[in-house]
Amino acid sequence: MYVSPSKRHVRTARTAAAFLSLAALTACGAPSGSSAPSGSSALSAPSGQGAAGAAAAGAAPATTSFTENGVTVTLSVSDWHAPKGTLTAVFTPEKKGFHLYSTELPPTGVEGVGRPTAVGVTGVLKADGKLTASADVRSISVPGVDAPMPVYPDGPVTTTLPVRADGNGDATVLLGYASCSAKEGCTIPVADHPVHLRLTDSGPAFAAH
């Protein structure tokens, strides 16, 4: 069958566009509208700029997040006035009825039970104050544990840590937590999960994963 050059050109262009769309979906790792799997990370572009525009311009994300062992952690740096700012970490259990432990809990828990909600920094970024949480601590009793357990109410917890930079360079945020439910038990604790960022004259920016 004879196909005119103009029609052949249109068909070729459409086929190329289809392959480009498929390649984009494959690079993202999931089709549009699907949620990130446990242990995955996601990046957000600066406000007012689309993800495609940020990628094209090489702009670093304003926030970053990851999900591991039943909790999504979202990080951001705000109020940056070189060399100081505020590092915010929001810990959100994926399922209802789960709580997080107090930042004041010992590193190994109470009698081996529980793990503290922890945010630390290394590299050129240093802590410039104490880690605080927006939620009030309450005490619960855990079978087999004599001492009361300090926990936050069920649901998300927002923590803030004042930070300062000792010049430009690389830094790492280390996060730890454990989530538990009175009905479903506890998830596997997470310790020292690293999130990388870089300090430049423009301020801190999270590294792409």
N, C-alpha and C. Protein backbone atom coordinates (compact mmCIF):
# COMPACT_ATOMS: atom_id res chain seq x y z
N MET A 1 0.86 -1.20 0.00
CA MET A 1 0.00 0.00 0.00
C MET A 1 0.88 1.23 0.00
N TYR A 2 0.57 2.17 -0.84
CA TYR A 2 1.37 3.40 -0.92
C TYR A 2 1.01 4.32 0.24
N VAL A 3 2.05 4.85 0.96
CA VAL A 3 1.86 5.82 2.04
C VAL A 3 2.63 7.06 1.67
N SER A 4 1.96 8.18 1.63
CA SER A 4 2.62 9.42 1.23
C SER A 4 3.69 9.80 2.23
N PRO A 5 4.73 10.50 1.81
CA PRO A 5 5.81 10.92 2.74
C PRO A 5 5.29 11.72 3.91
N SER A 6 4.26 12.58 3.71
CA SER A 6 3.76 13.40 4.80
C SER A 6 3.10 12.55 5.86
N LYS A 7 2.30 11.53 5.44
CA LYS A 7 1.64 10.65 6.41
C LYS A 7 2.67 9.80 7.15
N ARG A 8 3.70 9.34 6.38
CA ARG A 8 4.74 8.52 7.02
C ARG A 8 5.46 9.34 8.08
N HIS A 9 5.68 10.61 7.83
CA HIS A 9 6.36 11.49 8.78
C HIS A 9 5.53 11.65 10.06
N VAL A 10 4.21 11.85 9.90
CA VAL A 10 3.32 12.00 11.07
C VAL A 10 3.32 10.74 11.90
N ARG A 11 3.20 9.57 11.21
CA ARG A 11 3.17 8.29 11.94
C ARG A 11 4.48 8.08 12.70
N THR A 12 5.61 8.40 12.08
CA THR A 12 6.92 8.24 12.75
C THR A 12 7.02 9.15 13.97
N ALA A 13 6.52 10.38 13.85
CA ALA A 13 6.58 11.32 14.97
C ALA A 13 5.74 10.82 16.12
N ARG A 14 4.53 10.29 15.81
CA ARG A 14 3.66 9.78 16.87
C ARG A 14 4.30 8.59 17.57
N THR A 15 4.93 7.71 16.79
CA THR A 15 5.59 6.53 17.39
C THR A 15 6.72 6.96 18.30
N ALA A 16 7.51 7.94 17.87
CA ALA A 16 8.62 8.43 18.70
C ALA A 16 8.10 9.04 19.98
N ALA A 17 7.00 9.80 19.90
CA ALA A 17 6.42 10.41 21.10
C ALA A 17 5.95 9.35 22.07
N ALA A 18 5.36 8.27 21.54
CA ALA A 18 4.89 7.19 22.42
C ALA A 18 6.04 6.54 23.14
N PHE A 19 7.16 6.30 22.42
CA PHE A 19 8.32 5.69 23.06
C PHE A 19 8.93 6.62 24.11
N LEU A 20 8.93 7.93 23.86
CA LEU A 20 9.44 8.87 24.84
C LEU A 20 8.59 8.86 26.10
N SER A 21 7.26 8.80 25.95
CA SER A 21 6.37 8.75 27.11
C SER A 21 6.61 7.49 27.92
N LEU A 22 6.79 6.35 27.25
CA LEU A 22 7.05 5.09 27.95
C LEU A 22 8.37 5.15 28.69
N ALA A 23 9.38 5.75 28.08
CA ALA A 23 10.69 5.87 28.74
C ALA A 23 10.60 6.73 29.98
N ALA A 24 9.79 7.80 29.93
CA ALA A 24 9.64 8.67 31.08
C ALA A 24 9.00 7.94 32.24
N LEU A 25 7.97 7.13 31.96
CA LEU A 25 7.32 6.36 33.01
C LEU A 25 8.27 5.35 33.61
N THR A 26 9.06 4.70 32.77
CA THR A 26 10.01 3.71 33.27
C THR A 26 11.04 4.35 34.17
N ALA A 27 11.51 5.55 33.82
CA ALA A 27 12.51 6.25 34.63
C ALA A 27 11.95 6.62 35.98
N CYS A 28 10.66 6.96 36.05
CA CYS A 28 10.05 7.32 37.33
C CYS A 28 9.86 6.10 38.21
N GLY A 29 9.78 4.93 37.65
CA GLY A 29 9.65 3.71 38.44
C GLY A 29 8.23 3.32 38.74
N ALA A 30 7.26 4.16 38.40
CA ALA A 30 5.87 3.83 38.68
C ALA A 30 4.99 4.69 37.80
N PRO A 31 3.79 4.20 37.46
CA PRO A 31 2.88 5.00 36.65
C PRO A 31 2.34 6.18 37.43
N SER A 32 1.86 7.17 36.75
CA SER A 32 1.32 8.37 37.38
C SER A 32 0.17 7.99 38.30
N GLY A 33 0.19 8.62 39.51
CA GLY A 33 -0.88 8.39 40.47
C GLY A 33 -0.58 7.30 41.46
N SER A 34 0.50 6.49 41.25
CA SER A 34 0.82 5.44 42.21
C SER A 34 1.67 6.02 43.30
N SER A 35 1.60 5.43 44.50
CA SER A 35 2.36 5.90 45.64
C SER A 35 3.72 5.26 45.65
N ALA A 36 4.70 5.94 46.32
CA ALA A 36 6.05 5.40 46.40
C ALA A 36 6.07 4.22 47.34
N PRO A 37 6.80 3.14 47.02
CA PRO A 37 6.86 1.97 47.88
C PRO A 37 7.67 2.24 49.13
N SER A 38 7.50 1.37 50.14
CA SER A 38 8.24 1.51 51.38
C SER A 38 9.72 1.48 51.10
N GLY A 39 10.46 2.42 51.74
CA GLY A 39 11.89 2.49 51.55
C GLY A 39 12.27 3.39 50.39
N SER A 40 11.30 4.01 49.73
CA SER A 40 11.61 4.86 48.59
C SER A 40 11.74 6.30 49.04
N SER A 41 12.25 7.14 48.15
CA SER A 41 12.41 8.54 48.45
C SER A 41 11.71 9.36 47.39
N ALA A 42 11.29 10.57 47.77
CA ALA A 42 10.66 11.48 46.82
C ALA A 42 11.20 12.86 47.04
N LEU A 43 11.27 13.65 45.95
CA LEU A 43 11.77 15.00 46.02
C LEU A 43 10.69 15.96 45.57
N SER A 44 10.67 17.17 46.18
CA SER A 44 9.71 18.19 45.80
C SER A 44 10.45 19.37 45.23
N ALA A 45 9.91 19.93 44.14
CA ALA A 45 10.52 21.11 43.54
C ALA A 45 10.15 22.34 44.35
N PRO A 46 10.93 23.43 44.25
CA PRO A 46 10.59 24.66 44.95
C PRO A 46 9.20 25.14 44.57
N SER A 47 8.56 25.85 45.50
CA SER A 47 7.20 26.34 45.29
C SER A 47 7.14 27.21 44.05
N GLY A 48 6.09 26.98 43.24
CA GLY A 48 5.89 27.78 42.05
C GLY A 48 6.63 27.27 40.85
N GLN A 49 7.37 26.17 40.99
CA GLN A 49 8.12 25.63 39.86
C GLN A 49 7.78 24.17 39.69
N GLY A 50 7.40 23.76 38.49
CA GLY A 50 7.06 22.37 38.23
C GLY A 50 8.27 21.49 38.30
N ALA A 51 8.02 20.18 38.47
CA ALA A 51 9.12 19.23 38.58
C ALA A 51 9.95 19.22 37.31
N ALA A 52 9.28 19.30 36.15
CA ALA A 52 10.02 19.29 34.90
C ALA A 52 10.88 20.53 34.77
N GLY A 53 10.34 21.69 35.20
CA GLY A 53 11.12 22.92 35.12
C GLY A 53 12.31 22.87 36.04
N ALA A 54 12.13 22.29 37.24
CA ALA A 54 13.23 22.19 38.20
C ALA A 54 14.32 21.30 37.65
N ALA A 55 13.93 20.19 37.02
CA ALA A 55 14.92 19.27 36.49
C ALA A 55 15.68 19.92 35.34
N ALA A 56 14.95 20.66 34.49
CA ALA A 56 15.59 21.29 33.34
C ALA A 56 16.57 22.35 33.78
N ALA A 57 16.22 23.08 34.86
CA ALA A 57 17.08 24.16 35.33
C ALA A 57 18.17 23.65 36.25
N GLY A 58 18.10 22.38 36.64
CA GLY A 58 19.09 21.83 37.56
C GLY A 58 18.88 22.31 38.98
N ALA A 59 17.67 22.79 39.30
CA ALA A 59 17.40 23.33 40.62
C ALA A 59 17.31 22.23 41.65
N ALA A 60 17.86 22.49 42.83
CA ALA A 60 17.80 21.51 43.91
C ALA A 60 16.43 21.59 44.58
N PRO A 61 15.94 20.49 45.10
CA PRO A 61 14.63 20.49 45.74
C PRO A 61 14.63 21.25 47.05
N ALA A 62 13.48 21.84 47.40
CA ALA A 62 13.34 22.55 48.65
C ALA A 62 13.07 21.59 49.79
N THR A 63 12.48 20.45 49.49
CA THR A 63 12.20 19.44 50.50
C THR A 63 12.56 18.06 49.95
N THR A 64 12.64 17.11 50.85
CA THR A 64 12.85 15.73 50.43
C THR A 64 12.12 14.83 51.41
N SER A 65 11.79 13.63 50.98
CA SER A 65 11.09 12.70 51.86
C SER A 65 11.45 11.27 51.51
N PHE A 66 11.22 10.39 52.46
CA PHE A 66 11.42 8.96 52.23
C PHE A 66 10.44 8.21 53.12
N THR A 67 10.18 6.97 52.76
CA THR A 67 9.31 6.11 53.54
C THR A 67 10.04 4.82 53.86
N GLU A 68 10.07 4.48 55.13
CA GLU A 68 10.72 3.25 55.55
C GLU A 68 10.05 2.70 56.80
N ASN A 69 9.77 1.42 56.79
CA ASN A 69 9.20 0.71 57.94
C ASN A 69 7.97 1.40 58.52
N GLY A 70 7.03 1.74 57.63
CA GLY A 70 5.74 2.24 58.08
C GLY A 70 5.65 3.71 58.41
N VAL A 71 6.70 4.48 58.17
CA VAL A 71 6.70 5.90 58.49
C VAL A 71 7.26 6.69 57.31
N THR A 72 6.58 7.78 56.95
CA THR A 72 7.10 8.71 55.95
C THR A 72 7.72 9.90 56.67
N VAL A 73 8.95 10.23 56.30
CA VAL A 73 9.66 11.36 56.90
C VAL A 73 9.86 12.43 55.84
N THR A 74 9.42 13.65 56.13
CA THR A 74 9.58 14.77 55.22
C THR A 74 10.51 15.80 55.86
N LEU A 75 11.56 16.17 55.13
CA LEU A 75 12.57 17.10 55.64
C LEU A 75 12.53 18.41 54.88
N SER A 76 12.80 19.50 55.59
CA SER A 76 12.93 20.81 54.95
C SER A 76 13.83 21.69 55.81
N VAL A 77 14.44 22.68 55.18
CA VAL A 77 15.23 23.68 55.89
C VAL A 77 14.57 25.03 55.66
N SER A 78 14.27 25.74 56.74
CA SER A 78 13.58 27.02 56.63
C SER A 78 14.32 28.08 57.44
N ASP A 79 13.86 29.33 57.29
CA ASP A 79 14.44 30.47 58.01
C ASP A 79 15.95 30.51 57.86
N TRP A 80 16.44 30.26 56.65
CA TRP A 80 17.89 30.22 56.45
C TRP A 80 18.44 31.64 56.31
N HIS A 81 19.26 32.02 57.28
CA HIS A 81 20.00 33.27 57.26
C HIS A 81 21.44 32.89 57.56
N ALA A 82 22.22 32.72 56.49
CA ALA A 82 23.57 32.16 56.61
C ALA A 82 24.32 32.74 57.81
N PRO A 83 24.89 31.84 58.62
CA PRO A 83 25.00 30.39 58.38
C PRO A 83 23.98 29.56 59.17
N LYS A 84 22.85 30.16 59.59
CA LYS A 84 21.93 29.44 60.46
C LYS A 84 20.56 29.26 59.82
N GLY A 85 19.85 28.23 60.32
CA GLY A 85 18.50 27.96 59.85
C GLY A 85 17.83 26.93 60.74
N THR A 86 16.67 26.45 60.31
CA THR A 86 15.91 25.46 61.08
C THR A 86 15.64 24.24 60.22
N LEU A 87 16.05 23.09 60.71
CA LEU A 87 15.79 21.82 60.04
C LEU A 87 14.51 21.22 60.62
N THR A 88 13.54 20.99 59.77
CA THR A 88 12.25 20.43 60.21
C THR A 88 12.09 19.03 59.65
N ALA A 89 11.69 18.11 60.51
CA ALA A 89 11.41 16.74 60.09
C ALA A 89 10.02 16.36 60.57
N VAL A 90 9.17 15.95 59.64
CA VAL A 90 7.81 15.52 59.98
C VAL A 90 7.74 14.01 59.81
N PHE A 91 7.44 13.32 60.90
CA PHE A 91 7.33 11.85 60.92
C PHE A 91 5.85 11.49 60.87
N THR A 92 5.43 10.80 59.82
CA THR A 92 4.02 10.46 59.65
C THR A 92 3.83 8.96 59.51
N PRO A 93 3.26 8.29 60.52
CA PRO A 93 2.96 6.86 60.38
C PRO A 93 2.00 6.64 59.22
N GLU A 94 2.22 5.58 58.46
CA GLU A 94 1.38 5.31 57.30
C GLU A 94 -0.01 4.81 57.69
N LYS A 95 -0.10 4.16 58.84
CA LYS A 95 -1.38 3.59 59.26
C LYS A 95 -1.90 4.31 60.50
N LYS A 96 -3.22 4.39 60.60
CA LYS A 96 -3.83 5.01 61.76
C LYS A 96 -3.60 4.14 63.00
N GLY A 97 -3.57 4.81 64.15
CA GLY A 97 -3.40 4.09 65.41
C GLY A 97 -1.96 3.85 65.80
N PHE A 98 -1.00 4.36 65.01
CA PHE A 98 0.41 4.18 65.34
C PHE A 98 0.98 5.47 65.93
N HIS A 99 1.85 5.31 66.92
CA HIS A 99 2.49 6.45 67.56
C HIS A 99 4.00 6.34 67.45
N LEU A 100 4.67 7.45 67.72
CA LEU A 100 6.13 7.50 67.76
C LEU A 100 6.58 7.75 69.19
N TYR A 101 7.82 7.41 69.48
CA TYR A 101 8.37 7.58 70.82
C TYR A 101 9.00 8.96 71.00
N SER A 102 9.09 9.38 72.25
CA SER A 102 9.64 10.68 72.59
C SER A 102 11.09 10.83 72.14
N THR A 103 11.48 12.05 71.84
CA THR A 103 12.88 12.33 71.52
C THR A 103 13.78 12.11 72.74
N GLU A 104 13.18 12.10 73.93
CA GLU A 104 13.95 11.94 75.17
C GLU A 104 14.17 10.48 75.54
N LEU A 105 13.59 9.56 74.79
CA LEU A 105 13.78 8.14 75.08
C LEU A 105 15.25 7.78 74.91
N PRO A 106 15.82 6.93 75.77
CA PRO A 106 17.21 6.50 75.59
C PRO A 106 17.42 5.85 74.23
N PRO A 107 18.64 5.89 73.70
CA PRO A 107 18.92 5.34 72.36
C PRO A 107 18.48 3.90 72.18
N THR A 108 18.55 3.10 73.25
CA THR A 108 18.16 1.69 73.14
C THR A 108 16.77 1.43 73.72
N GLY A 109 16.01 2.51 73.96
CA GLY A 109 14.67 2.34 74.49
C GLY A 109 14.64 2.14 76.00
N VAL A 110 13.51 1.71 76.50
CA VAL A 110 13.34 1.39 77.92
C VAL A 110 13.25 -0.12 78.05
N GLU A 111 14.23 -0.69 78.71
CA GLU A 111 14.32 -2.15 78.84
C GLU A 111 14.28 -2.82 77.46
N GLY A 112 14.90 -2.14 76.50
CA GLY A 112 14.99 -2.67 75.14
C GLY A 112 13.78 -2.43 74.27
N VAL A 113 12.76 -1.79 74.81
CA VAL A 113 11.53 -1.53 74.06
C VAL A 113 11.50 -0.08 73.59
N GLY A 114 11.15 0.11 72.32
CA GLY A 114 11.03 1.46 71.77
C GLY A 114 12.36 2.04 71.31
N ARG A 115 12.29 3.06 70.48
CA ARG A 115 13.45 3.81 70.03
C ARG A 115 13.05 5.28 69.94
N PRO A 116 13.99 6.18 70.27
CA PRO A 116 13.63 7.60 70.25
C PRO A 116 13.43 8.13 68.83
N THR A 117 12.60 9.15 68.72
CA THR A 117 12.50 9.91 67.48
C THR A 117 13.72 10.82 67.45
N ALA A 118 14.61 10.60 66.48
CA ALA A 118 15.91 11.26 66.50
C ALA A 118 16.23 11.94 65.18
N VAL A 119 16.84 13.13 65.29
CA VAL A 119 17.33 13.88 64.13
C VAL A 119 18.71 14.40 64.48
N GLY A 120 19.71 14.02 63.71
CA GLY A 120 21.07 14.50 63.93
C GLY A 120 21.68 14.97 62.63
N VAL A 121 22.76 15.73 62.72
CA VAL A 121 23.43 16.23 61.52
C VAL A 121 24.94 16.01 61.64
N THR A 122 25.58 15.76 60.50
CA THR A 122 27.02 15.60 60.45
C THR A 122 27.55 16.37 59.24
N GLY A 123 28.87 16.46 59.12
CA GLY A 123 29.47 17.20 58.02
C GLY A 123 29.57 18.67 58.36
N VAL A 124 29.38 19.53 57.37
CA VAL A 124 29.52 20.97 57.61
C VAL A 124 28.31 21.56 58.34
N LEU A 125 27.24 20.79 58.47
CA LEU A 125 26.05 21.25 59.19
C LEU A 125 26.09 20.73 60.62
N LYS A 126 25.92 21.64 61.59
CA LYS A 126 25.98 21.28 63.00
C LYS A 126 24.68 21.66 63.69
N ALA A 127 24.37 20.94 64.77
CA ALA A 127 23.21 21.30 65.59
C ALA A 127 23.54 22.58 66.35
N ASP A 128 22.59 23.50 66.39
CA ASP A 128 22.80 24.78 67.07
C ASP A 128 21.79 24.95 68.19
N GLY A 129 21.27 23.85 68.67
CA GLY A 129 20.28 23.87 69.74
C GLY A 129 19.73 22.48 69.95
N LYS A 130 18.65 22.40 70.69
CA LYS A 130 18.06 21.11 71.05
C LYS A 130 16.93 20.74 70.10
N LEU A 131 16.82 19.44 69.82
CA LEU A 131 15.71 18.93 69.02
C LEU A 131 14.43 19.02 69.84
N THR A 132 13.39 19.62 69.27
CA THR A 132 12.11 19.72 69.96
C THR A 132 11.00 19.16 69.08
N ALA A 133 9.92 18.75 69.72
CA ALA A 133 8.77 18.19 69.00
C ALA A 133 7.53 19.02 69.30
N SER A 134 6.64 19.10 68.32
CA SER A 134 5.43 19.91 68.47
C SER A 134 4.37 19.23 69.32
N ALA A 135 4.46 17.92 69.45
CA ALA A 135 3.43 17.16 70.18
C ALA A 135 3.81 17.00 71.65
N ASP A 136 2.81 16.87 72.49
CA ASP A 136 3.03 16.65 73.92
C ASP A 136 3.30 15.17 74.18
N VAL A 137 4.17 14.92 75.13
CA VAL A 137 4.51 13.54 75.50
C VAL A 137 3.48 13.01 76.49
N ARG A 138 3.08 11.77 76.31
CA ARG A 138 2.22 11.08 77.27
C ARG A 138 2.86 9.74 77.61
N SER A 139 2.52 9.20 78.74
CA SER A 139 3.10 7.93 79.18
C SER A 139 2.10 6.80 79.01
N ILE A 140 2.60 5.66 78.53
CA ILE A 140 1.76 4.49 78.39
C ILE A 140 2.44 3.30 79.08
N SER A 141 1.67 2.31 79.40
CA SER A 141 2.20 1.09 80.00
C SER A 141 2.32 0.02 78.92
N VAL A 142 3.46 -0.65 78.91
CA VAL A 142 3.71 -1.71 77.95
C VAL A 142 3.88 -3.02 78.71
N PRO A 143 3.14 -4.06 78.34
CA PRO A 143 3.27 -5.35 79.03
C PRO A 143 4.73 -5.82 79.04
N GLY A 144 5.19 -6.21 80.21
CA GLY A 144 6.55 -6.71 80.34
C GLY A 144 7.58 -5.65 80.62
N VAL A 145 7.15 -4.38 80.62
CA VAL A 145 8.08 -3.27 80.90
C VAL A 145 7.61 -2.57 82.17
N ASP A 146 8.49 -2.49 83.14
CA ASP A 146 8.10 -1.90 84.43
C ASP A 146 7.93 -0.39 84.35
N ALA A 147 8.83 0.28 83.63
CA ALA A 147 8.79 1.74 83.57
C ALA A 147 7.77 2.21 82.53
N PRO A 148 7.17 3.39 82.75
CA PRO A 148 6.25 3.93 81.74
C PRO A 148 7.01 4.34 80.48
N MET A 149 6.34 4.25 79.35
CA MET A 149 6.96 4.59 78.07
C MET A 149 6.49 5.97 77.61
N PRO A 150 7.42 6.89 77.36
CA PRO A 150 7.03 8.22 76.88
C PRO A 150 6.82 8.21 75.36
N VAL A 151 5.60 8.50 74.93
CA VAL A 151 5.27 8.47 73.50
C VAL A 151 4.50 9.73 73.14
N TYR A 152 4.38 9.96 71.84
CA TYR A 152 3.54 11.05 71.34
C TYR A 152 2.17 10.48 70.98
N PRO A 153 1.15 11.33 70.90
CA PRO A 153 -0.16 10.85 70.47
C PRO A 153 -0.09 10.22 69.08
N ASP A 154 -1.03 9.35 68.78
CA ASP A 154 -1.07 8.71 67.47
C ASP A 154 -1.06 9.75 66.35
N GLY A 155 -0.36 9.42 65.28
CA GLY A 155 -0.34 10.32 64.13
C GLY A 155 1.00 11.00 63.93
N PRO A 156 1.02 12.01 63.05
CA PRO A 156 2.29 12.66 62.69
C PRO A 156 2.88 13.49 63.83
N VAL A 157 4.19 13.60 63.81
CA VAL A 157 4.93 14.40 64.79
C VAL A 157 5.91 15.29 64.01
N THR A 158 5.91 16.58 64.33
CA THR A 158 6.83 17.52 63.70
C THR A 158 7.94 17.88 64.67
N THR A 159 9.18 17.70 64.24
CA THR A 159 10.33 18.06 65.07
C THR A 159 11.12 19.17 64.38
N THR A 160 11.78 20.00 65.18
CA THR A 160 12.62 21.07 64.64
C THR A 160 13.97 21.05 65.34
N LEU A 161 15.01 21.34 64.56
CA LEU A 161 16.38 21.37 65.08
C LEU A 161 17.08 22.61 64.53
N PRO A 162 17.50 23.54 65.41
CA PRO A 162 18.29 24.68 64.93
C PRO A 162 19.64 24.18 64.42
N VAL A 163 20.08 24.68 63.27
CA VAL A 163 21.34 24.23 62.69
C VAL A 163 22.16 25.43 62.23
N ARG A 164 23.47 25.20 62.10
CA ARG A 164 24.37 26.21 61.54
C ARG A 164 25.38 25.51 60.65
N ALA A 165 25.89 26.24 59.68
CA ALA A 165 26.85 25.67 58.73
C ALA A 165 28.25 26.19 59.01
N ASP A 166 29.21 25.29 59.00
CA ASP A 166 30.61 25.67 59.11
C ASP A 166 31.22 25.76 57.71
N GLY A 167 30.70 26.68 56.92
CA GLY A 167 31.19 26.84 55.56
C GLY A 167 30.41 26.01 54.57
N ASN A 168 30.85 26.02 53.33
CA ASN A 168 30.20 25.26 52.27
C ASN A 168 30.73 23.83 52.24
N GLY A 169 29.91 22.92 51.71
CA GLY A 169 30.32 21.52 51.61
C GLY A 169 29.16 20.58 51.80
N ASP A 170 29.47 19.33 52.05
CA ASP A 170 28.45 18.29 52.18
C ASP A 170 28.05 18.08 53.64
N ALA A 171 26.80 17.72 53.83
CA ALA A 171 26.28 17.41 55.16
C ALA A 171 25.31 16.24 55.04
N THR A 172 25.06 15.59 56.16
CA THR A 172 24.14 14.45 56.20
C THR A 172 23.22 14.59 57.40
N VAL A 173 21.93 14.37 57.17
CA VAL A 173 20.95 14.30 58.25
C VAL A 173 20.74 12.83 58.58
N LEU A 174 20.82 12.48 59.86
CA LEU A 174 20.63 11.10 60.31
C LEU A 174 19.34 11.02 61.11
N LEU A 175 18.44 10.12 60.69
CA LEU A 175 17.12 10.03 61.30
C LEU A 175 16.86 8.66 61.90
N GLY A 176 16.20 8.66 63.04
CA GLY A 176 15.85 7.41 63.69
C GLY A 176 14.45 7.49 64.29
N TYR A 177 13.78 6.35 64.37
CA TYR A 177 12.42 6.32 64.91
C TYR A 177 11.93 4.88 64.99
N ALA A 178 10.82 4.71 65.67
CA ALA A 178 10.08 3.44 65.69
C ALA A 178 8.62 3.79 65.90
N SER A 179 7.73 3.10 65.21
CA SER A 179 6.30 3.35 65.37
C SER A 179 5.64 2.10 65.95
N CYS A 180 4.67 2.33 66.81
CA CYS A 180 3.98 1.22 67.47
C CYS A 180 2.48 1.47 67.54
N SER A 181 1.75 0.38 67.67
CA SER A 181 0.31 0.43 67.84
C SER A 181 -0.08 -0.50 68.98
N ALA A 182 -1.03 -0.06 69.79
CA ALA A 182 -1.48 -0.89 70.90
C ALA A 182 -2.12 -2.18 70.40
N LYS A 183 -2.68 -2.15 69.19
CA LYS A 183 -3.37 -3.32 68.65
C LYS A 183 -2.50 -4.15 67.72
N GLU A 184 -1.62 -3.49 66.95
CA GLU A 184 -0.87 -4.20 65.91
C GLU A 184 0.61 -4.38 66.21
N GLY A 185 1.05 -3.90 67.36
CA GLY A 185 2.46 -4.06 67.70
C GLY A 185 3.33 -2.98 67.07
N CYS A 186 4.63 -3.28 66.93
CA CYS A 186 5.59 -2.28 66.48
C CYS A 186 6.22 -2.64 65.14
N THR A 187 6.63 -1.61 64.43
CA THR A 187 7.39 -1.82 63.20
C THR A 187 8.87 -1.96 63.56
N ILE A 188 9.68 -2.40 62.60
CA ILE A 188 11.11 -2.52 62.84
C ILE A 188 11.71 -1.13 63.00
N PRO A 189 12.49 -0.88 64.06
CA PRO A 189 13.07 0.46 64.26
C PRO A 189 14.01 0.86 63.13
N VAL A 190 14.09 2.15 62.90
CA VAL A 190 15.02 2.71 61.92
C VAL A 190 16.06 3.53 62.68
N ALA A 191 17.33 3.32 62.37
CA ALA A 191 18.41 4.05 63.04
C ALA A 191 19.36 4.65 62.02
N ASP A 192 19.67 5.92 62.20
CA ASP A 192 20.67 6.62 61.38
C ASP A 192 20.41 6.51 59.88
N HIS A 193 19.15 6.68 59.48
CA HIS A 193 18.85 6.73 58.04
C HIS A 193 19.45 8.02 57.49
N PRO A 194 20.35 7.93 56.48
CA PRO A 194 21.02 9.14 55.99
C PRO A 194 20.25 9.86 54.89
N VAL A 195 20.22 11.17 54.98
CA VAL A 195 19.71 12.02 53.92
C VAL A 195 20.77 13.09 53.66
N HIS A 196 21.21 13.21 52.42
CA HIS A 196 22.34 14.08 52.10
C HIS A 196 21.88 15.44 51.58
N LEU A 197 22.65 16.44 51.92
CA LEU A 197 22.42 17.77 51.38
C LEU A 197 23.75 18.49 51.21
N ARG A 198 23.71 19.59 50.48
CA ARG A 198 24.94 20.33 50.21
C ARG A 198 24.72 21.81 50.54
N LEU A 199 25.73 22.40 51.16
CA LEU A 199 25.70 23.80 51.52
C LEU A 199 26.53 24.60 50.52
N THR A 200 25.92 25.63 49.94
CA THR A 200 26.61 26.53 49.02
C THR A 200 26.32 27.96 49.45
N ASP A 201 26.83 28.92 48.68
CA ASP A 201 26.55 30.32 48.99
C ASP A 201 25.06 30.63 48.90
N SER A 202 24.33 29.81 48.15
CA SER A 202 22.88 30.00 48.01
C SER A 202 22.10 29.38 49.16
N GLY A 203 22.79 28.62 50.02
CA GLY A 203 22.12 27.97 51.14
C GLY A 203 22.12 26.46 51.00
N PRO A 204 21.40 25.76 51.89
CA PRO A 204 21.36 24.29 51.84
C PRO A 204 20.38 23.78 50.79
N ALA A 205 20.73 22.66 50.17
CA ALA A 205 19.85 22.02 49.19
C ALA A 205 20.01 20.52 49.31
N PHE A 206 18.89 19.80 49.32
CA PHE A 206 18.94 18.35 49.42
C PHE A 206 19.42 17.74 48.12
N ALA A 207 20.22 16.70 48.25
CA ALA A 207 20.77 16.03 47.07
C ALA A 207 19.70 15.17 46.42
N ALA A 208 19.77 15.05 45.10
CA ALA A 208 18.86 14.17 44.38
C ALA A 208 19.23 12.73 44.69
N HIS A 209 18.20 11.86 44.80
CA HIS A 209 18.43 10.45 45.13
C HIS A 209 18.66 9.65 43.86
